[in-house]
PDB file of N, CA and C in Angstrom:
ATOM      1  N   MET A   1       6.856  19.345  33.848  1.00  0.00           N
ATOM      2  CA  MET A   1       8.245  19.168  33.454  1.00  0.00           C
ATOM      3  C   MET A   1       8.327  18.644  32.020  1.00  0.00           C
ATOM      4  N   THR A   2       9.526  18.704  31.503  1.00  0.00           N
ATOM      5  CA  THR A   2       9.770  18.217  30.152  1.00  0.00           C
ATOM      6  C   THR A   2      10.726  17.028  30.218  1.00  0.00           C
ATOM      7  N   GLU A   3      10.386  15.992  29.513  1.00  0.00           N
ATOM      8  CA  GLU A   3      11.225  14.794  29.431  1.00  0.00           C
ATOM      9  C   GLU A   3      11.901  14.776  28.066  1.00  0.00           C
ATOM     10  N   GLU A   4      13.208  14.550  28.057  1.00  0.00           N
ATOM     11  CA  GLU A   4      13.933  14.441  26.788  1.00  0.00           C
ATOM     12  C   GLU A   4      14.333  12.984  26.561  1.00  0.00           C
ATOM     13  N   ILE A   5      14.032  12.504  25.366  1.00  0.00           N
ATOM     14  CA  ILE A   5      14.331  11.113  25.000  1.00  0.00           C
ATOM     15  C   ILE A   5      15.295  11.102  23.829  1.00  0.00           C
ATOM     16  N   LYS A   6      16.358  10.338  23.963  1.00  0.00           N
ATOM     17  CA  LYS A   6      17.278  10.127  22.845  1.00  0.00           C
ATOM     18  C   LYS A   6      16.736   8.943  22.041  1.00  0.00           C
ATOM     19  N   VAL A   7      16.308   9.219  20.838  1.00  0.00           N
ATOM     20  CA  VAL A   7      15.693   8.190  19.989  1.00  0.00           C
ATOM     21  C   VAL A   7      16.651   7.015  19.789  1.00  0.00           C
ATOM     22  N   ILE A   8      17.943   7.310  19.670  1.00  0.00           N
ATOM     23  CA  ILE A   8      18.951   6.278  19.434  1.00  0.00           C
ATOM     24  C   ILE A   8      19.017   5.277  20.594  1.00  0.00           C
ATOM     25  N   ASP A   9      18.539   5.664  21.776  1.00  0.00           N
ATOM     26  CA  ASP A   9      18.510   4.752  22.920  1.00  0.00           C
ATOM     27  C   ASP A   9      17.357   3.759  22.836  1.00  0.00           C
ATOM     28  N   ILE A  10      16.394   4.038  21.959  1.00  0.00           N
ATOM     29  CA  ILE A  10      15.204   3.184  21.841  1.00  0.00           C
ATOM     30  C   ILE A  10      15.185   2.434  20.504  1.00  0.00           C
ATOM     31  N   LEU A  11      15.592   3.129  19.444  1.00  0.00           N
ATOM     32  CA  LEU A  11      15.483   2.584  18.093  1.00  0.00           C
ATOM     33  C   LEU A  11      16.854   2.523  17.419  1.00  0.00           C
ATOM     34  N   PRO A  12      16.971   1.728  16.357  1.00  0.00           N
ATOM     35  CA  PRO A  12      18.239   1.673  15.618  1.00  0.00           C
ATOM     36  C   PRO A  12      18.491   2.971  14.846  1.00  0.00           C
ATOM     37  N   ARG A  13      19.703   3.130  14.353  1.00  0.00           N
ATOM     38  CA  ARG A  13      20.090   4.330  13.599  1.00  0.00           C
ATOM     39  C   ARG A  13      19.334   4.472  12.281  1.00  0.00           C
ATOM     40  N   MET A  14      18.823   3.385  11.772  1.00  0.00           N
ATOM     41  CA  MET A  14      18.106   3.365  10.500  1.00  0.00           C
ATOM     42  C   MET A  14      16.615   3.179  10.789  1.00  0.00           C
ATOM     43  N   LEU A  15      15.854   4.246  10.690  1.00  0.00           N
ATOM     44  CA  LEU A  15      14.414   4.190  10.952  1.00  0.00           C
ATOM     45  C   LEU A  15      13.710   3.830   9.652  1.00  0.00           C
ATOM     46  N   SER A  16      13.666   2.535   9.387  1.00  0.00           N
ATOM     47  CA  SER A  16      13.211   2.087   8.071  1.00  0.00           C
ATOM     48  C   SER A  16      11.801   1.502   8.049  1.00  0.00           C
ATOM     49  N   ALA A  17      11.191   1.304   9.195  1.00  0.00           N
ATOM     50  CA  ALA A  17       9.872   0.662   9.205  1.00  0.00           C
ATOM     51  C   ALA A  17       8.884   1.448  10.057  1.00  0.00           C
ATOM     52  N   ASP A  18       7.625   1.365   9.671  1.00  0.00           N
ATOM     53  CA  ASP A  18       6.580   2.059  10.416  1.00  0.00           C
ATOM     54  C   ASP A  18       6.433   1.526  11.832  1.00  0.00           C
ATOM     55  N   VAL A  19       6.748   0.249  12.043  1.00  0.00           N
ATOM     56  CA  VAL A  19       6.617  -0.321  13.390  1.00  0.00           C
ATOM     57  C   VAL A  19       7.569   0.345  14.375  1.00  0.00           C
ATOM     58  N   ALA A  20       8.664   0.903  13.882  1.00  0.00           N
ATOM     59  CA  ALA A  20       9.592   1.620  14.763  1.00  0.00           C
ATOM     60  C   ALA A  20       8.910   2.852  15.359  1.00  0.00           C
ATOM     61  N   ALA A  21       8.126   3.552  14.569  1.00  0.00           N
ATOM     62  CA  ALA A  21       7.398   4.714  15.078  1.00  0.00           C
ATOM     63  C   ALA A  21       6.363   4.295  16.120  1.00  0.00           C
ATOM     64  N   ILE A  22       5.719   3.171  15.883  1.00  0.00           N
ATOM     65  CA  ILE A  22       4.739   2.661  16.848  1.00  0.00           C
ATOM     66  C   ILE A  22       5.429   2.346  18.170  1.00  0.00           C
ATOM     67  N   GLU A  23       6.584   1.695  18.106  1.00  0.00           N
ATOM     68  CA  GLU A  23       7.349   1.370  19.317  1.00  0.00           C
ATOM     69  C   GLU A  23       7.796   2.641  20.043  1.00  0.00           C
ATOM     70  N   LEU A  24       8.232   3.627  19.292  1.00  0.00           N
ATOM     71  CA  LEU A  24       8.664   4.884  19.888  1.00  0.00           C
ATOM     72  C   LEU A  24       7.520   5.525  20.668  1.00  0.00           C
ATOM     73  N   PHE A  25       6.339   5.556  20.091  1.00  0.00           N
ATOM     74  CA  PHE A  25       5.213   6.179  20.782  1.00  0.00           C
ATOM     75  C   PHE A  25       4.684   5.322  21.924  1.00  0.00           C
ATOM     76  N   LYS A  26       4.902   4.036  21.900  1.00  0.00           N
ATOM     77  CA  LYS A  26       4.582   3.206  23.071  1.00  0.00           C
ATOM     78  C   LYS A  26       5.419   3.660  24.255  1.00  0.00           C
ATOM     79  N   GLU A  27       6.706   3.935  24.006  1.00  0.00           N
ATOM     80  CA  GLU A  27       7.594   4.424  25.064  1.00  0.00           C
ATOM     81  C   GLU A  27       7.190   5.823  25.518  1.00  0.00           C
ATOM     82  N   ILE A  28       6.861   6.679  24.576  1.00  0.00           N
ATOM     83  CA  ILE A  28       6.441   8.044  24.911  1.00  0.00           C
ATOM     84  C   ILE A  28       5.204   8.016  25.803  1.00  0.00           C
ATOM     85  N   ASN A  29       4.262   7.157  25.474  1.00  0.00           N
ATOM     86  CA  ASN A  29       3.013   7.102  26.238  1.00  0.00           C
ATOM     87  C   ASN A  29       3.191   6.561  27.649  1.00  0.00           C
ATOM     88  N   LYS A  30       4.309   5.911  27.935  1.00  0.00           N
ATOM     89  CA  LYS A  30       4.599   5.419  29.287  1.00  0.00           C
ATOM     90  C   LYS A  30       5.092   6.529  30.214  1.00  0.00           C
ATOM     91  N   ILE A  31       5.523   7.625  29.631  1.00  0.00           N
ATOM     92  CA  ILE A  31       6.115   8.720  30.402  1.00  0.00           C
ATOM     93  C   ILE A  31       5.017   9.575  31.028  1.00  0.00           C
ATOM     94  N   ASN A  32       5.231   9.976  32.277  1.00  0.00           N
ATOM     95  CA  ASN A  32       4.228  10.775  32.989  1.00  0.00           C
ATOM     96  C   ASN A  32       4.183  12.225  32.536  1.00  0.00           C
ATOM     97  N   ASP A  33       5.294  12.768  32.069  1.00  0.00           N
ATOM     98  CA  ASP A  33       5.327  14.162  31.629  1.00  0.00           C
ATOM     99  C   ASP A  33       4.511  14.341  30.355  1.00  0.00           C
ATOM    100  N   ASP A  34       3.936  15.533  30.209  1.00  0.00           N
ATOM    101  CA  ASP A  34       3.151  15.839  29.016  1.00  0.00           C
ATOM    102  C   ASP A  34       3.969  16.481  27.906  1.00  0.00           C
ATOM    103  N   ASP A  35       5.127  17.016  28.252  1.00  0.00           N
ATOM    104  CA  ASP A  35       6.000  17.655  27.268  1.00  0.00           C
ATOM    105  C   ASP A  35       7.210  16.762  27.020  1.00  0.00           C
ATOM    106  N   ILE A  36       7.353  16.328  25.775  1.00  0.00           N
ATOM    107  CA  ILE A  36       8.409  15.398  25.397  1.00  0.00           C
ATOM    108  C   ILE A  36       9.248  16.010  24.285  1.00  0.00           C
ATOM    109  N   ILE A  37      10.564  15.958  24.453  1.00  0.00           N
ATOM    110  CA  ILE A  37      11.481  16.361  23.390  1.00  0.00           C
ATOM    111  C   ILE A  37      12.183  15.101  22.905  1.00  0.00           C
ATOM    112  N   LEU A  38      12.081  14.840  21.612  1.00  0.00           N
ATOM    113  CA  LEU A  38      12.765  13.700  21.004  1.00  0.00           C
ATOM    114  C   LEU A  38      14.050  14.187  20.358  1.00  0.00           C
ATOM    115  N   ASP A  39      15.172  13.658  20.825  1.00  0.00           N
ATOM    116  CA  ASP A  39      16.476  14.020  20.283  1.00  0.00           C
ATOM    117  C   ASP A  39      16.856  12.970  19.232  1.00  0.00           C
ATOM    118  N   PHE A  40      16.908  13.389  17.980  1.00  0.00           N
ATOM    119  CA  PHE A  40      17.207  12.489  16.872  1.00  0.00           C
ATOM    120  C   PHE A  40      18.701  12.430  16.538  1.00  0.00           C
ATOM    121  N   LYS A  41      19.552  12.962  17.404  1.00  0.00           N
ATOM    122  CA  LYS A  41      20.997  12.918  17.165  1.00  0.00           C
ATOM    123  C   LYS A  41      21.444  11.455  17.049  1.00  0.00           C
ATOM    124  N   GLY A  42      22.208  11.164  16.012  1.00  0.00           N
ATOM    125  CA  GLY A  42      22.704   9.809  15.806  1.00  0.00           C
ATOM    126  C   GLY A  42      21.864   8.978  14.851  1.00  0.00           C
ATOM    127  N   ILE A  43      20.687   9.488  14.480  1.00  0.00           N
ATOM    128  CA  ILE A  43      19.850   8.780  13.512  1.00  0.00           C
ATOM    129  C   ILE A  43      20.397   9.085  12.118  1.00  0.00           C
ATOM    130  N   ASP A  44      20.696   8.031  11.372  1.00  0.00           N
ATOM    131  CA  ASP A  44      21.319   8.180  10.053  1.00  0.00           C
ATOM    132  C   ASP A  44      20.335   8.176   8.888  1.00  0.00           C
ATOM    133  N   PHE A  45      19.166   7.571   9.094  1.00  0.00           N
ATOM    134  CA  PHE A  45      18.228   7.412   7.981  1.00  0.00           C
ATOM    135  C   PHE A  45      16.808   7.325   8.518  1.00  0.00           C
ATOM    136  N   MET A  46      15.879   7.936   7.780  1.00  0.00           N
ATOM    137  CA  MET A  46      14.458   7.825   8.096  1.00  0.00           C
ATOM    138  C   MET A  46      13.705   7.537   6.800  1.00  0.00           C
ATOM    139  N   SER A  47      12.936   6.459   6.798  1.00  0.00           N
ATOM    140  CA  SER A  47      12.169   6.101   5.606  1.00  0.00           C
ATOM    141  C   SER A  47      10.860   6.883   5.560  1.00  0.00           C
ATOM    142  N   ILE A  48      10.270   6.887   4.395  1.00  0.00           N
ATOM    143  CA  ILE A  48       8.967   7.531   4.228  1.00  0.00           C
ATOM    144  C   ILE A  48       7.919   6.836   5.094  1.00  0.00           C
ATOM    145  N   SER A  49       7.972   5.509   5.158  1.00  0.00           N
ATOM    146  CA  SER A  49       6.971   4.793   5.957  1.00  0.00           C
ATOM    147  C   SER A  49       7.107   5.131   7.444  1.00  0.00           C
ATOM    148  N   PHE A  50       8.345   5.280   7.935  1.00  0.00           N
ATOM    149  CA  PHE A  50       8.532   5.697   9.330  1.00  0.00           C
ATOM    150  C   PHE A  50       7.954   7.098   9.528  1.00  0.00           C
ATOM    151  N   ALA A  51       8.303   8.026   8.636  1.00  0.00           N
ATOM    152  CA  ALA A  51       7.843   9.412   8.765  1.00  0.00           C
ATOM    153  C   ALA A  51       6.317   9.497   8.741  1.00  0.00           C
ATOM    154  N   GLN A  52       5.681   8.728   7.882  1.00  0.00           N
ATOM    155  CA  GLN A  52       4.220   8.740   7.810  1.00  0.00           C
ATOM    156  C   GLN A  52       3.603   8.210   9.099  1.00  0.00           C
ATOM    157  N   GLU A  53       4.128   7.097   9.584  1.00  0.00           N
ATOM    158  CA  GLU A  53       3.578   6.524  10.823  1.00  0.00           C
ATOM    159  C   GLU A  53       3.898   7.423  12.016  1.00  0.00           C
ATOM    160  N   TYR A  54       5.086   8.011  12.024  1.00  0.00           N
ATOM    161  CA  TYR A  54       5.460   8.950  13.087  1.00  0.00           C
ATOM    162  C   TYR A  54       4.455  10.102  13.138  1.00  0.00           C
ATOM    163  N   SER A  55       4.145  10.672  11.990  1.00  0.00           N
ATOM    164  CA  SER A  55       3.195  11.785  11.925  1.00  0.00           C
ATOM    165  C   SER A  55       1.812  11.365  12.396  1.00  0.00           C
ATOM    166  N   SER A  56       1.400  10.176  12.016  1.00  0.00           N
ATOM    167  CA  SER A  56       0.102   9.660  12.436  1.00  0.00           C
ATOM    168  C   SER A  56       0.062   9.440  13.947  1.00  0.00           C
ATOM    169  N   GLN A  57       1.103   8.816  14.472  1.00  0.00           N
ATOM    170  CA  GLN A  57       1.175   8.555  15.917  1.00  0.00           C
ATOM    171  C   GLN A  57       1.235   9.862  16.707  1.00  0.00           C
ATOM    172  N   LYS A  58       1.993  10.827  16.196  1.00  0.00           N
ATOM    173  CA  LYS A  58       2.124  12.111  16.882  1.00  0.00           C
ATOM    174  C   LYS A  58       0.784  12.833  16.932  1.00  0.00           C
ATOM    175  N   LYS A  59       0.036  12.757  15.855  1.00  0.00           N
ATOM    176  CA  LYS A  59      -1.280  13.404  15.821  1.00  0.00           C
ATOM    177  C   LYS A  59      -2.226  12.790  16.853  1.00  0.00           C
ATOM    178  N   GLU A  60      -2.141  11.488  17.037  1.00  0.00           N
ATOM    179  CA  GLU A  60      -3.017  10.788  17.980  1.00  0.00           C
ATOM    180  C   GLU A  60      -2.555  10.927  19.432  1.00  0.00           C
ATOM    181  N   CYS A  61      -1.304  11.251  19.632  1.00  0.00           N
ATOM    182  CA  CYS A  61      -0.712  11.339  20.971  1.00  0.00           C
ATOM    183  C   CYS A  61      -1.262  12.553  21.713  1.00  0.00           C
ATOM    184  N   THR A  62      -1.553  12.383  22.978  1.00  0.00           N
ATOM    185  CA  THR A  62      -2.079  13.474  23.791  1.00  0.00           C
ATOM    186  C   THR A  62      -0.969  14.343  24.386  1.00  0.00           C
ATOM    187  N   LYS A  63       0.263  13.949  24.184  1.00  0.00           N
ATOM    188  CA  LYS A  63       1.406  14.693  24.722  1.00  0.00           C
ATOM    189  C   LYS A  63       1.918  15.710  23.706  1.00  0.00           C
ATOM    190  N   ASN A  64       2.615  16.727  24.191  1.00  0.00           N
ATOM    191  CA  ASN A  64       3.231  17.731  23.340  1.00  0.00           C
ATOM    192  C   ASN A  64       4.628  17.220  22.975  1.00  0.00           C
ATOM    193  N   VAL A  65       4.769  16.694  21.770  1.00  0.00           N
ATOM    194  CA  VAL A  65       6.025  16.084  21.323  1.00  0.00           C
ATOM    195  C   VAL A  65       6.711  17.020  20.338  1.00  0.00           C
ATOM    196  N   THR A  66       7.972  17.348  20.636  1.00  0.00           N
ATOM    197  CA  THR A  66       8.771  18.151  19.726  1.00  0.00           C
ATOM    198  C   THR A  66      10.063  17.412  19.407  1.00  0.00           C
ATOM    199  N   GLU A  67      10.676  17.801  18.301  1.00  0.00           N
ATOM    200  CA  GLU A  67      11.882  17.136  17.838  1.00  0.00           C
ATOM    201  C   GLU A  67      13.064  18.089  17.855  1.00  0.00           C
ATOM    202  N   LYS A  68      14.246  17.526  18.046  1.00  0.00           N
ATOM    203  CA  LYS A  68      15.469  18.300  17.874  1.00  0.00           C
ATOM    204  C   LYS A  68      16.525  17.413  17.235  1.00  0.00           C
ATOM    205  N   ASN A  69      17.493  18.047  16.621  1.00  0.00           N
ATOM    206  CA  ASN A  69      18.607  17.364  15.950  1.00  0.00           C
ATOM    207  C   ASN A  69      18.156  16.453  14.813  1.00  0.00           C
ATOM    208  N   LEU A  70      17.089  16.829  14.137  1.00  0.00           N
ATOM    209  CA  LEU A  70      16.663  16.092  12.953  1.00  0.00           C
ATOM    210  C   LEU A  70      17.544  16.474  11.768  1.00  0.00           C
ATOM    211  N   LEU A  71      17.921  15.513  10.951  1.00  0.00           N
ATOM    212  CA  LEU A  71      18.587  15.837   9.702  1.00  0.00           C
ATOM    213  C   LEU A  71      17.594  16.615   8.838  1.00  0.00           C
ATOM    214  N   LYS A  72      18.104  17.494   8.015  1.00  0.00           N
ATOM    215  CA  LYS A  72      17.237  18.350   7.198  1.00  0.00           C
ATOM    216  C   LYS A  72      16.246  17.531   6.377  1.00  0.00           C
ATOM    217  N   GLN A  73      16.731  16.470   5.728  1.00  0.00           N
ATOM    218  CA  GLN A  73      15.845  15.659   4.889  1.00  0.00           C
ATOM    219  C   GLN A  73      14.791  14.928   5.734  1.00  0.00           C
ATOM    220  N   ASP A  74      15.136  14.568   6.965  1.00  0.00           N
ATOM    221  CA  ASP A  74      14.165  13.904   7.841  1.00  0.00           C
ATOM    222  C   ASP A  74      13.089  14.890   8.306  1.00  0.00           C
ATOM    223  N   ALA A  75      13.501  16.106   8.602  1.00  0.00           N
ATOM    224  CA  ALA A  75      12.528  17.135   8.986  1.00  0.00           C
ATOM    225  C   ALA A  75      11.547  17.391   7.849  1.00  0.00           C
ATOM    226  N   GLU A  76      12.048  17.393   6.623  1.00  0.00           N
ATOM    227  CA  GLU A  76      11.180  17.581   5.455  1.00  0.00           C
ATOM    228  C   GLU A  76      10.214  16.404   5.293  1.00  0.00           C
ATOM    229  N   LEU A  77      10.707  15.185   5.486  1.00  0.00           N
ATOM    230  CA  LEU A  77       9.827  14.008   5.390  1.00  0.00           C
ATOM    231  C   LEU A  77       8.690  14.092   6.405  1.00  0.00           C
ATOM    232  N   ILE A  78       9.021  14.458   7.621  1.00  0.00           N
ATOM    233  CA  ILE A  78       7.994  14.572   8.656  1.00  0.00           C
ATOM    234  C   ILE A  78       7.011  15.683   8.313  1.00  0.00           C
ATOM    235  N   LYS A  79       7.531  16.794   7.836  1.00  0.00           N
ATOM    236  CA  LYS A  79       6.659  17.916   7.471  1.00  0.00           C
ATOM    237  C   LYS A  79       5.690  17.509   6.365  1.00  0.00           C
ATOM    238  N   ILE A  80       6.192  16.854   5.331  1.00  0.00           N
ATOM    239  CA  ILE A  80       5.343  16.402   4.223  1.00  0.00           C
ATOM    240  C   ILE A  80       4.328  15.376   4.719  1.00  0.00           C
ATOM    241  N   SER A  81       4.784  14.439   5.554  1.00  0.00           N
ATOM    242  CA  SER A  81       3.892  13.397   6.071  1.00  0.00           C
ATOM    243  C   SER A  81       2.814  13.990   6.968  1.00  0.00           C
ATOM    244  N   LYS A  82       3.184  14.997   7.750  1.00  0.00           N
ATOM    245  CA  LYS A  82       2.197  15.638   8.629  1.00  0.00           C
ATOM    246  C   LYS A  82       1.062  16.233   7.810  1.00  0.00           C
ATOM    247  N   ASN A  83       1.401  16.791   6.672  1.00  0.00           N
ATOM    248  CA  ASN A  83       0.379  17.404   5.819  1.00  0.00           C
ATOM    249  C   ASN A  83      -0.646  16.384   5.320  1.00  0.00           C
ATOM    250  N   LEU A  84      -0.277  15.131   5.268  1.00  0.00           N
ATOM    251  CA  LEU A  84      -1.221  14.087   4.859  1.00  0.00           C
ATOM    252  C   LEU A  84      -2.351  13.910   5.872  1.00  0.00           C
ATOM    253  N   PHE A  85      -2.076  14.274   7.129  1.00  0.00           N
ATOM    254  CA  PHE A  85      -3.034  14.023   8.205  1.00  0.00           C
ATOM    255  C   PHE A  85      -3.727  15.284   8.680  1.00  0.00           C
ATOM    256  N   ASP A  86      -3.366  16.439   8.105  1.00  0.00           N
ATOM    257  CA  ASP A  86      -4.035  17.680   8.500  1.00  0.00           C
ATOM    258  C   ASP A  86      -5.456  17.672   7.954  1.00  0.00           C
ATOM    259  N   ASP A  87      -6.361  18.148   8.772  1.00  0.00           N
ATOM    260  CA  ASP A  87      -7.770  18.194   8.350  1.00  0.00           C
ATOM    261  C   ASP A  87      -8.043  19.402   7.493  1.00  0.00           C
TER     262      ASP A  87
END
């Protein structure tokens, strides 16, 4: 099955710190499902440090995590940050 998580239910609207990404993945890792959809609706801001840590945590996560409702600039931040961790 697939579990959908509303990020706004776990984190504040302003994702300004890397520790927020760590907390988000702590919650993700508690879920029994292997397929996770993160709904970013309602998130107003994402910092570079959050995006970098998010990408790092996602790479280490054993679950299939996908995103929806990302603001365009946030999707770009994650994409750029992901490239930092590609082998």
